[in-house]
Amino acid sequence: MASRVMGIATNGLLVIILLLTTNDGSSALDLRRVAKDKCQTGSHIARTLSLNDNLVCSLACSTDSSCKGYCFSASNSICRISYTEMGTALFAAVSETGFDMFWSGYLGGWTQFGSKAYKLFRYGYDHGGARTYCWKHYARLALPMNEDENSYLYGTLAGGARTWIMADDYNQEGNWKNTDTGVSLPQNTAWFCRGQPDNAGKDGEDCAELAHDLRCWNDIPCGTGRWFTCEVPLDQCAHGVVDIRCGYTTL
């Protein structure tokens, strides 16, 4: 990781910003506007500062290791520092004229394929935890709906890696559904490995994983720890709305 120093004159003061960069040149902390005329309130605000310059507010966040984002109002000279993750911050925000929300994290790693953008998370979460993590990113757990998407998701993995997909038969054995919508997925069952799904074990296997080493789907207990991929439809990025995920890389 390298660093560079940038000096900016504001209100007669010279503000020195240390920008940490990774080896590929991306910023270690990247603050972007995610909402206009909105801000968090109450317990979501860690500190409130009296500042009349957005740059100085940004610097206050960047130099606080716990800061996830901030709200700034030039008209009110208010800078609100928050330690809340972006997904929760946006969900908890209320309308407040004159405030802009700037948040960090989750900006890199989204890749467009077809009509969706994807990001792989190498965390060992159970099926429910993976779904919740994607929701907090205003995304959803990935579920391939055609051969191209299925092949693409295999291609994001390597070795013996396996990831959750948003499919389960928890409510009725053998009736595989989209976990979020409850819509049956009869067209997807052909993608299971030979002899699968088999609902093995005394507690059964009600959630689906995508197995890179087998190039097919497999059913396992929903409480198992697995990596997971989140997806977001690109039409959510096509309306001119500021969206933190829409800076994806195009294949």
C-alpha atoms as a PDB file:
ATOM      1  CA  MET A   1       0.000   0.000   0.000  1.00  0.00           C
ATOM      2  CA  ALA A   2       1.336   3.387  -1.003  1.00  0.00           C
ATOM      3  CA  SER A   3       0.397   6.906   0.047  1.00  0.00           C
ATOM      4  CA  ARG A   4       0.332  10.363  -1.426  1.00  0.00           C
ATOM      5  CA  VAL A   5      -0.170  13.749   0.114  1.00  0.00           C
ATOM      6  CA  MET A   6      -2.467  16.372  -1.340  1.00  0.00           C
ATOM      7  CA  GLY A   7      -2.729  19.956  -0.117  1.00  0.00           C
ATOM      8  CA  ILE A   8      -5.932  21.942  -0.665  1.00  0.00           C
ATOM      9  CA  ALA A   9      -6.506  25.550   0.310  1.00  0.00           C
ATOM     10  CA  THR A  10      -9.913  26.195   1.917  1.00  0.00           C
ATOM     11  CA  ASN A  11     -11.087  29.256   3.812  1.00  0.00           C
ATOM     12  CA  GLY A  12      -7.526  30.497   4.034  1.00  0.00           C
ATOM     13  CA  LEU A  13      -6.235  27.244   5.532  1.00  0.00           C
ATOM     14  CA  LEU A  14      -4.063  24.642   3.897  1.00  0.00           C
ATOM     15  CA  VAL A  15      -5.583  21.227   4.556  1.00  0.00           C
ATOM     16  CA  ILE A  16      -3.229  18.296   4.095  1.00  0.00           C
ATOM     17  CA  ILE A  17      -4.897  15.016   3.168  1.00  0.00           C
ATOM     18  CA  LEU A  18      -3.061  11.707   3.283  1.00  0.00           C
ATOM     19  CA  LEU A  19      -4.580   9.441   0.652  1.00  0.00           C
ATOM     20  CA  LEU A  20      -3.800   5.767   1.179  1.00  0.00           C
ATOM     21  CA  THR A  21      -3.848   3.754  -2.004  1.00  0.00           C
ATOM     22  CA  THR A  22      -3.732   0.050  -2.654  1.00  0.00           C
ATOM     23  CA  ASN A  23      -1.339  -1.489  -5.147  1.00  0.00           C
ATOM     24  CA  ASP A  24      -3.920  -1.138  -7.920  1.00  0.00           C
ATOM     25  CA  GLY A  25      -4.193   2.592  -7.238  1.00  0.00           C
ATOM     26  CA  SER A  26      -7.648   2.607  -5.639  1.00  0.00           C
ATOM     27  CA  SER A  27      -8.303   4.634  -2.511  1.00  0.00           C
ATOM     28  CA  ALA A  28      -8.301   2.812   0.815  1.00  0.00           C
ATOM     29  CA  LEU A  29     -11.141   5.079   1.993  1.00  0.00           C
ATOM     30  CA  ASP A  30     -13.480   6.242  -0.730  1.00  0.00           C
ATOM     31  CA  LEU A  31     -16.274   8.578   0.363  1.00  0.00           C
ATOM     32  CA  ARG A  32     -19.058   9.170  -2.144  1.00  0.00           C
ATOM     33  CA  ARG A  33     -22.438  10.861  -1.980  1.00  0.00           C
ATOM     34  CA  VAL A  34     -25.152   8.235  -1.582  1.00  0.00           C
ATOM     35  CA  ALA A  35     -28.205  10.417  -0.814  1.00  0.00           C
ATOM     36  CA  LYS A  36     -29.353  14.039  -1.101  1.00  0.00           C
ATOM     37  CA  ASP A  37     -31.608  15.864   1.401  1.00  0.00           C
ATOM     38  CA  LYS A  38     -31.320  12.955   3.821  1.00  0.00           C
ATOM     39  CA  CYS A  39     -29.352  12.204   6.978  1.00  0.00           C
ATOM     40  CA  GLN A  40     -29.249   9.896   9.957  1.00  0.00           C
ATOM     41  CA  THR A  41     -30.310  11.080  13.386  1.00  0.00           C
ATOM     42  CA  GLY A  42     -30.210   9.976  17.010  1.00  0.00           C
ATOM     43  CA  SER A  43     -28.042   7.041  18.006  1.00  0.00           C
ATOM     44  CA  HIS A  44     -26.692   6.631  14.463  1.00  0.00           C
ATOM     45  CA  ILE A  45     -24.689   9.851  14.845  1.00  0.00           C
ATOM     46  CA  ALA A  46     -21.422   9.427  16.766  1.00  0.00           C
ATOM     47  CA  ARG A  47     -20.241  13.052  16.644  1.00  0.00           C
ATOM     48  CA  THR A  48     -21.641  16.398  15.495  1.00  0.00           C
ATOM     49  CA  LEU A  49     -19.184  19.101  14.460  1.00  0.00           C
ATOM     50  CA  SER A  50     -19.712  22.747  13.592  1.00  0.00           C
ATOM     51  CA  LEU A  51     -18.041  22.967  10.175  1.00  0.00           C
ATOM     52  CA  ASN A  52     -18.865  24.976   7.074  1.00  0.00           C
ATOM     53  CA  ASP A  53     -16.693  23.108   4.567  1.00  0.00           C
ATOM     54  CA  ASN A  54     -17.439  19.669   3.133  1.00  0.00           C
ATOM     55  CA  LEU A  55     -13.741  18.954   2.614  1.00  0.00           C
ATOM     56  CA  VAL A  56     -12.973  19.469   6.293  1.00  0.00           C
ATOM     57  CA  CYS A  57     -15.951  17.272   7.240  1.00  0.00           C
ATOM     58  CA  SER A  58     -14.622  14.575   4.897  1.00  0.00           C
ATOM     59  CA  LEU A  59     -11.193  14.876   6.508  1.00  0.00           C
ATOM     60  CA  ALA A  60     -12.750  14.483   9.971  1.00  0.00           C
ATOM     61  CA  CYS A  61     -14.265  11.196   8.838  1.00  0.00           C
ATOM     62  CA  SER A  62     -11.154   9.982   7.008  1.00  0.00           C
ATOM     63  CA  THR A  63      -8.972  10.468  10.085  1.00  0.00           C
ATOM     64  CA  ASP A  64     -11.432   8.653  12.400  1.00  0.00           C
ATOM     65  CA  SER A  65     -10.792   4.909  12.142  1.00  0.00           C
ATOM     66  CA  SER A  66     -14.383   4.123  13.204  1.00  0.00           C
ATOM     67  CA  CYS A  67     -16.056   6.472  10.727  1.00  0.00           C
ATOM     68  CA  LYS A  68     -18.164   4.804   8.025  1.00  0.00           C
ATOM     69  CA  GLY A  69     -19.654   7.988   6.600  1.00  0.00           C
ATOM     70  CA  TYR A  70     -20.974  11.449   7.334  1.00  0.00           C
ATOM     71  CA  CYS A  71     -23.760  13.936   6.626  1.00  0.00           C
ATOM     72  CA  PHE A  72     -22.922  17.508   5.763  1.00  0.00           C
ATOM     73  CA  SER A  73     -25.031  20.655   5.441  1.00  0.00           C
ATOM     74  CA  ALA A  74     -23.322  23.805   4.168  1.00  0.00           C
ATOM     75  CA  SER A  75     -26.369  25.942   4.930  1.00  0.00           C
ATOM     76  CA  ASN A  76     -26.405  24.817   8.568  1.00  0.00           C
ATOM     77  CA  SER A  77     -22.601  24.402   8.959  1.00  0.00           C
ATOM     78  CA  ILE A  78     -23.152  20.937  10.425  1.00  0.00           C
ATOM     79  CA  CYS A  79     -21.020  17.823   9.996  1.00  0.00           C
ATOM     80  CA  ARG A  80     -22.403  14.591  11.470  1.00  0.00           C
ATOM     81  CA  ILE A  81     -19.983  11.676  11.784  1.00  0.00           C
ATOM     82  CA  SER A  82     -21.454   8.157  11.785  1.00  0.00           C
ATOM     83  CA  TYR A  83     -20.047   4.737  12.649  1.00  0.00           C
ATOM     84  CA  THR A  84     -22.932   2.903  10.947  1.00  0.00           C
ATOM     85  CA  GLU A  85     -22.447   0.648   7.906  1.00  0.00           C
ATOM     86  CA  MET A  86     -23.766   2.029   4.641  1.00  0.00           C
ATOM     87  CA  GLY A  87     -26.766  -0.277   4.181  1.00  0.00           C
ATOM     88  CA  THR A  88     -28.127   0.400   7.657  1.00  0.00           C
ATOM     89  CA  ALA A  89     -27.335   4.104   7.308  1.00  0.00           C
ATOM     90  CA  LEU A  90     -29.427   4.465   4.166  1.00  0.00           C
ATOM     91  CA  PHE A  91     -32.276   2.456   5.663  1.00  0.00           C
ATOM     92  CA  ALA A  92     -32.306   4.610   8.820  1.00  0.00           C
ATOM     93  CA  ALA A  93     -31.941   7.972   7.037  1.00  0.00           C
ATOM     94  CA  VAL A  94     -34.752  10.526   7.253  1.00  0.00           C
ATOM     95  CA  SER A  95     -35.560  13.470   4.985  1.00  0.00           C
ATOM     96  CA  GLU A  96     -33.612  16.545   5.996  1.00  0.00           C
ATOM     97  CA  THR A  97     -33.315  19.403   3.525  1.00  0.00           C
ATOM     98  CA  GLY A  98     -29.825  20.692   2.868  1.00  0.00           C
ATOM     99  CA  PHE A  99     -27.958  17.578   4.016  1.00  0.00           C
ATOM    100  CA  ASP A 100     -25.971  15.224   1.799  1.00  0.00           C
ATOM    101  CA  MET A 101     -24.876  11.758   2.896  1.00  0.00           C
ATOM    102  CA  PHE A 102     -21.328  10.638   2.036  1.00  0.00           C
ATOM    103  CA  TRP A 103     -20.421   7.024   2.762  1.00  0.00           C
ATOM    104  CA  SER A 104     -17.474   4.692   2.301  1.00  0.00           C
ATOM    105  CA  GLY A 105     -17.028   1.022   1.588  1.00  0.00           C
ATOM    106  CA  TYR A 106     -18.470  -1.551  -0.791  1.00  0.00           C
ATOM    107  CA  LEU A 107     -17.481   0.551  -3.796  1.00  0.00           C
ATOM    108  CA  GLY A 108     -15.103  -1.813  -5.515  1.00  0.00           C
ATOM    109  CA  GLY A 109     -15.508  -5.352  -6.704  1.00  0.00           C
ATOM    110  CA  TRP A 110     -18.927  -5.155  -8.383  1.00  0.00           C
ATOM    111  CA  THR A 111     -18.719  -6.635 -11.876  1.00  0.00           C
ATOM    112  CA  GLN A 112     -21.374  -6.423 -14.553  1.00  0.00           C
ATOM    113  CA  PHE A 113     -22.473  -9.565 -16.372  1.00  0.00           C
ATOM    114  CA  GLY A 114     -25.600  -9.528 -18.493  1.00  0.00           C
ATOM    115  CA  SER A 115     -28.401  -7.664 -16.743  1.00  0.00           C
ATOM    116  CA  LYS A 116     -26.864  -7.814 -13.256  1.00  0.00           C
ATOM    117  CA  ALA A 117     -23.812  -6.698 -11.270  1.00  0.00           C
ATOM    118  CA  TYR A 118     -22.183  -9.156  -8.871  1.00  0.00           C
ATOM    119  CA  LYS A 119     -19.771  -9.125  -5.953  1.00  0.00           C
ATOM    120  CA  LEU A 120     -18.222 -12.153  -4.238  1.00  0.00           C
ATOM    121  CA  PHE A 121     -17.785 -11.991  -0.448  1.00  0.00           C
ATOM    122  CA  ARG A 122     -15.273 -14.401   1.052  1.00  0.00           C
ATOM    123  CA  TYR A 123     -16.955 -14.635   4.467  1.00  0.00           C
ATOM    124  CA  GLY A 124     -18.166 -17.885   6.005  1.00  0.00           C
ATOM    125  CA  TYR A 125     -21.813 -16.999   6.715  1.00  0.00           C
ATOM    126  CA  ASP A 126     -24.790 -19.334   7.015  1.00  0.00           C
ATOM    127  CA  HIS A 127     -27.552 -19.029   4.423  1.00  0.00           C
ATOM    128  CA  GLY A 128     -29.640 -16.551   6.433  1.00  0.00           C
ATOM    129  CA  GLY A 129     -26.593 -14.467   7.331  1.00  0.00           C
ATOM    130  CA  ALA A 130     -25.532 -14.248   3.683  1.00  0.00           C
ATOM    131  CA  ARG A 131     -29.008 -13.053   2.647  1.00  0.00           C
ATOM    132  CA  THR A 132     -28.990 -10.404   5.370  1.00  0.00           C
ATOM    133  CA  TYR A 133     -25.504  -9.210   4.383  1.00  0.00           C
ATOM    134  CA  CYS A 134     -26.653  -8.725   0.788  1.00  0.00           C
ATOM    135  CA  TRP A 135     -29.770  -6.848   1.953  1.00  0.00           C
ATOM    136  CA  LYS A 136     -27.568  -4.439   3.911  1.00  0.00           C
ATOM    137  CA  HIS A 137     -25.862  -3.658   0.605  1.00  0.00           C
ATOM    138  CA  TYR A 138     -29.253  -3.012  -1.004  1.00  0.00           C
ATOM    139  CA  ALA A 139     -28.616  -6.160  -3.034  1.00  0.00           C
ATOM    140  CA  ARG A 140     -29.770  -9.774  -2.881  1.00  0.00           C
ATOM    141  CA  LEU A 141     -28.150 -13.184  -2.643  1.00  0.00           C
ATOM    142  CA  ALA A 142     -27.263 -14.327  -6.158  1.00  0.00           C
ATOM    143  CA  LEU A 143     -29.467 -16.834  -7.964  1.00  0.00           C
ATOM    144  CA  PRO A 144     -28.606 -17.830 -11.560  1.00  0.00           C
ATOM    145  CA  MET A 145     -31.693 -17.881 -13.767  1.00  0.00           C
ATOM    146  CA  ASN A 146     -30.136 -19.134 -17.006  1.00  0.00           C
ATOM    147  CA  GLU A 147     -27.130 -21.136 -18.228  1.00  0.00           C
ATOM    148  CA  ASP A 148     -25.030 -18.031 -18.868  1.00  0.00           C
ATOM    149  CA  GLU A 149     -25.488 -16.695 -15.319  1.00  0.00           C
ATOM    150  CA  ASN A 150     -24.854 -20.154 -13.889  1.00  0.00           C
ATOM    151  CA  SER A 151     -21.579 -20.488 -15.829  1.00  0.00           C
ATOM    152  CA  TYR A 152     -20.513 -16.956 -14.891  1.00  0.00           C
ATOM    153  CA  LEU A 153     -20.903 -17.655 -11.171  1.00  0.00           C
ATOM    154  CA  TYR A 154     -18.809 -20.826 -11.492  1.00  0.00           C
ATOM    155  CA  GLY A 155     -16.163 -18.724 -13.206  1.00  0.00           C
ATOM    156  CA  THR A 156     -15.868 -16.334 -10.244  1.00  0.00           C
ATOM    157  CA  LEU A 157     -14.684 -19.192  -8.025  1.00  0.00           C
ATOM    158  CA  ALA A 158     -11.526 -21.286  -7.957  1.00  0.00           C
ATOM    159  CA  GLY A 159     -10.338 -24.592  -6.535  1.00  0.00           C
ATOM    160  CA  GLY A 160     -12.859 -26.209  -4.236  1.00  0.00           C
ATOM    161  CA  ALA A 161     -14.713 -22.990  -3.356  1.00  0.00           C
ATOM    162  CA  ARG A 162     -18.468 -23.141  -2.829  1.00  0.00           C
ATOM    163  CA  THR A 163     -20.984 -20.335  -2.428  1.00  0.00           C
ATOM    164  CA  TRP A 164     -24.563 -19.971  -1.324  1.00  0.00           C
ATOM    165  CA  ILE A 165     -27.276 -19.307  -3.862  1.00  0.00           C
ATOM    166  CA  MET A 166     -30.756 -18.024  -3.039  1.00  0.00           C
ATOM    167  CA  ALA A 167     -32.620 -21.322  -3.241  1.00  0.00           C
ATOM    168  CA  ASP A 168     -34.113 -23.604  -0.589  1.00  0.00           C
ATOM    169  CA  ASP A 169     -36.768 -26.278  -0.028  1.00  0.00           C
ATOM    170  CA  TYR A 170     -37.184 -25.543   3.676  1.00  0.00           C
ATOM    171  CA  ASN A 171     -40.995 -25.397   3.662  1.00  0.00           C
ATOM    172  CA  GLN A 172     -41.627 -28.390   1.410  1.00  0.00           C
ATOM    173  CA  GLU A 173     -39.012 -31.046   0.719  1.00  0.00           C
ATOM    174  CA  GLY A 174     -38.203 -31.244  -2.977  1.00  0.00           C
ATOM    175  CA  ASN A 175     -39.978 -27.995  -3.883  1.00  0.00           C
ATOM    176  CA  TRP A 176     -37.032 -25.668  -4.482  1.00  0.00           C
ATOM    177  CA  LYS A 177     -37.888 -21.983  -4.336  1.00  0.00           C
ATOM    178  CA  ASN A 178     -36.343 -18.541  -4.513  1.00  0.00           C
ATOM    179  CA  THR A 179     -35.741 -17.932  -0.798  1.00  0.00           C
ATOM    180  CA  ASP A 180     -36.737 -14.261  -0.992  1.00  0.00           C
ATOM    181  CA  THR A 181     -39.818 -14.489  -3.211  1.00  0.00           C
ATOM    182  CA  GLY A 182     -41.081 -18.025  -2.605  1.00  0.00           C
ATOM    183  CA  VAL A 183     -41.350 -18.611  -6.381  1.00  0.00           C
ATOM    184  CA  SER A 184     -40.735 -22.239  -7.378  1.00  0.00           C
ATOM    185  CA  LEU A 185     -37.618 -22.998  -9.434  1.00  0.00           C
ATOM    186  CA  PRO A 186     -38.395 -26.162 -11.406  1.00  0.00           C
ATOM    187  CA  GLN A 187     -36.114 -25.105 -14.254  1.00  0.00           C
ATOM    188  CA  ASN A 188     -33.112 -24.947 -11.917  1.00  0.00           C
ATOM    189  CA  THR A 189     -33.279 -28.436 -10.408  1.00  0.00           C
ATOM    190  CA  ALA A 190     -31.508 -29.869 -13.471  1.00  0.00           C
ATOM    191  CA  TRP A 191     -28.387 -28.005 -12.344  1.00  0.00           C
ATOM    192  CA  PHE A 192     -27.995 -30.121  -9.196  1.00  0.00           C
ATOM    193  CA  CYS A 193     -25.154 -32.639  -9.044  1.00  0.00           C
ATOM    194  CA  ARG A 194     -25.893 -36.256  -9.942  1.00  0.00           C
ATOM    195  CA  GLY A 195     -27.765 -37.845  -7.048  1.00  0.00           C
ATOM    196  CA  GLN A 196     -28.574 -34.429  -5.574  1.00  0.00           C
ATOM    197  CA  PRO A 197     -30.495 -32.988  -3.871  1.00  0.00           C
ATOM    198  CA  ASP A 198     -30.595 -35.887  -1.389  1.00  0.00           C
ATOM    199  CA  ASN A 199     -31.559 -34.187   1.933  1.00  0.00           C
ATOM    200  CA  ALA A 200     -28.881 -36.251   3.714  1.00  0.00           C
ATOM    201  CA  GLY A 201     -28.334 -36.319   7.484  1.00  0.00           C
ATOM    202  CA  LYS A 202     -30.731 -36.384  10.399  1.00  0.00           C
ATOM    203  CA  ASP A 203     -31.382 -32.639  10.187  1.00  0.00           C
ATOM    204  CA  GLY A 204     -31.768 -32.611   6.410  1.00  0.00           C
ATOM    205  CA  GLU A 205     -30.268 -30.310   3.779  1.00  0.00           C
ATOM    206  CA  ASP A 206     -32.604 -27.475   2.812  1.00  0.00           C
ATOM    207  CA  CYS A 207     -30.361 -24.820   1.224  1.00  0.00           C
ATOM    208  CA  ALA A 208     -28.450 -24.836  -2.067  1.00  0.00           C
ATOM    209  CA  GLU A 209     -24.791 -24.142  -2.731  1.00  0.00           C
ATOM    210  CA  LEU A 210     -22.932 -23.713  -6.000  1.00  0.00           C
ATOM    211  CA  ALA A 211     -19.908 -26.035  -6.043  1.00  0.00           C
ATOM    212  CA  HIS A 212     -17.000 -24.933  -8.237  1.00  0.00           C
ATOM    213  CA  ASP A 213     -15.167 -28.260  -7.928  1.00  0.00           C
ATOM    214  CA  LEU A 214     -18.232 -30.234  -9.077  1.00  0.00           C
ATOM    215  CA  ARG A 215     -19.613 -27.620 -11.516  1.00  0.00           C
ATOM    216  CA  CYS A 216     -23.126 -28.208 -10.192  1.00  0.00           C
ATOM    217  CA  TRP A 217     -25.489 -27.373  -7.317  1.00  0.00           C
ATOM    218  CA  ASN A 218     -25.640 -29.289  -4.038  1.00  0.00           C
ATOM    219  CA  ASP A 219     -27.987 -29.230  -1.047  1.00  0.00           C
ATOM    220  CA  ILE A 220     -26.458 -28.739   2.417  1.00  0.00           C
ATOM    221  CA  PRO A 221     -27.707 -27.700   5.890  1.00  0.00           C
ATOM    222  CA  CYS A 222     -28.659 -24.004   5.943  1.00  0.00           C
ATOM    223  CA  GLY A 223     -26.479 -23.392   9.004  1.00  0.00           C
ATOM    224  CA  THR A 224     -23.242 -24.273   7.182  1.00  0.00           C
ATOM    225  CA  GLY A 225     -20.672 -21.514   6.677  1.00  0.00           C
ATOM    226  CA  ARG A 226     -20.110 -20.599   3.031  1.00  0.00           C
ATOM    227  CA  TRP A 227     -18.853 -17.740   0.863  1.00  0.00           C
ATOM    228  CA  PHE A 228     -21.593 -15.950  -1.043  1.00  0.00           C
ATOM    229  CA  THR A 229     -22.191 -13.646  -4.005  1.00  0.00           C
ATOM    230  CA  CYS A 230     -24.579 -10.688  -3.951  1.00  0.00           C
ATOM    231  CA  GLU A 231     -26.293  -9.446  -7.106  1.00  0.00           C
ATOM    232  CA  VAL A 232     -28.065  -6.248  -8.108  1.00  0.00           C
ATOM    233  CA  PRO A 233     -30.203  -5.729 -11.244  1.00  0.00           C
ATOM    234  CA  LEU A 234     -28.637  -3.112 -13.489  1.00  0.00           C
ATOM    235  CA  ASP A 235     -31.995  -1.401 -14.052  1.00  0.00           C
ATOM    236  CA  GLN A 236     -31.586  -0.061 -10.518  1.00  0.00           C
ATOM    237  CA  CYS A 237     -28.543   1.811 -11.821  1.00  0.00           C
ATOM    238  CA  ALA A 238     -30.253   3.210 -14.910  1.00  0.00           C
ATOM    239  CA  HIS A 239     -32.483   5.899 -13.424  1.00  0.00           C
ATOM    240  CA  GLY A 240     -29.914   8.597 -12.682  1.00  0.00           C
ATOM    241  CA  VAL A 241     -30.169   7.891  -8.965  1.00  0.00           C
ATOM    242  CA  VAL A 242     -26.996   8.056  -6.873  1.00  0.00           C
ATOM    243  CA  ASP A 243     -26.316   4.421  -6.012  1.00  0.00           C
ATOM    244  CA  ILE A 244     -23.112   3.297  -4.325  1.00  0.00           C
ATOM    245  CA  ARG A 245     -22.977   0.035  -6.303  1.00  0.00           C
ATOM    246  CA  CYS A 246     -23.277   1.530  -9.776  1.00  0.00           C
ATOM    247  CA  GLY A 247     -19.555   2.106 -10.328  1.00  0.00           C
ATOM    248  CA  TYR A 248     -19.159  -1.512 -11.374  1.00  0.00           C
ATOM    249  CA  THR A 249     -16.589  -2.854 -13.816  1.00  0.00           C
ATOM    250  CA  THR A 250     -17.979  -3.858 -17.211  1.00  0.00           C
ATOM    251  CA  LEU A 251     -16.768  -7.171 -18.613  1.00  0.00           C
END
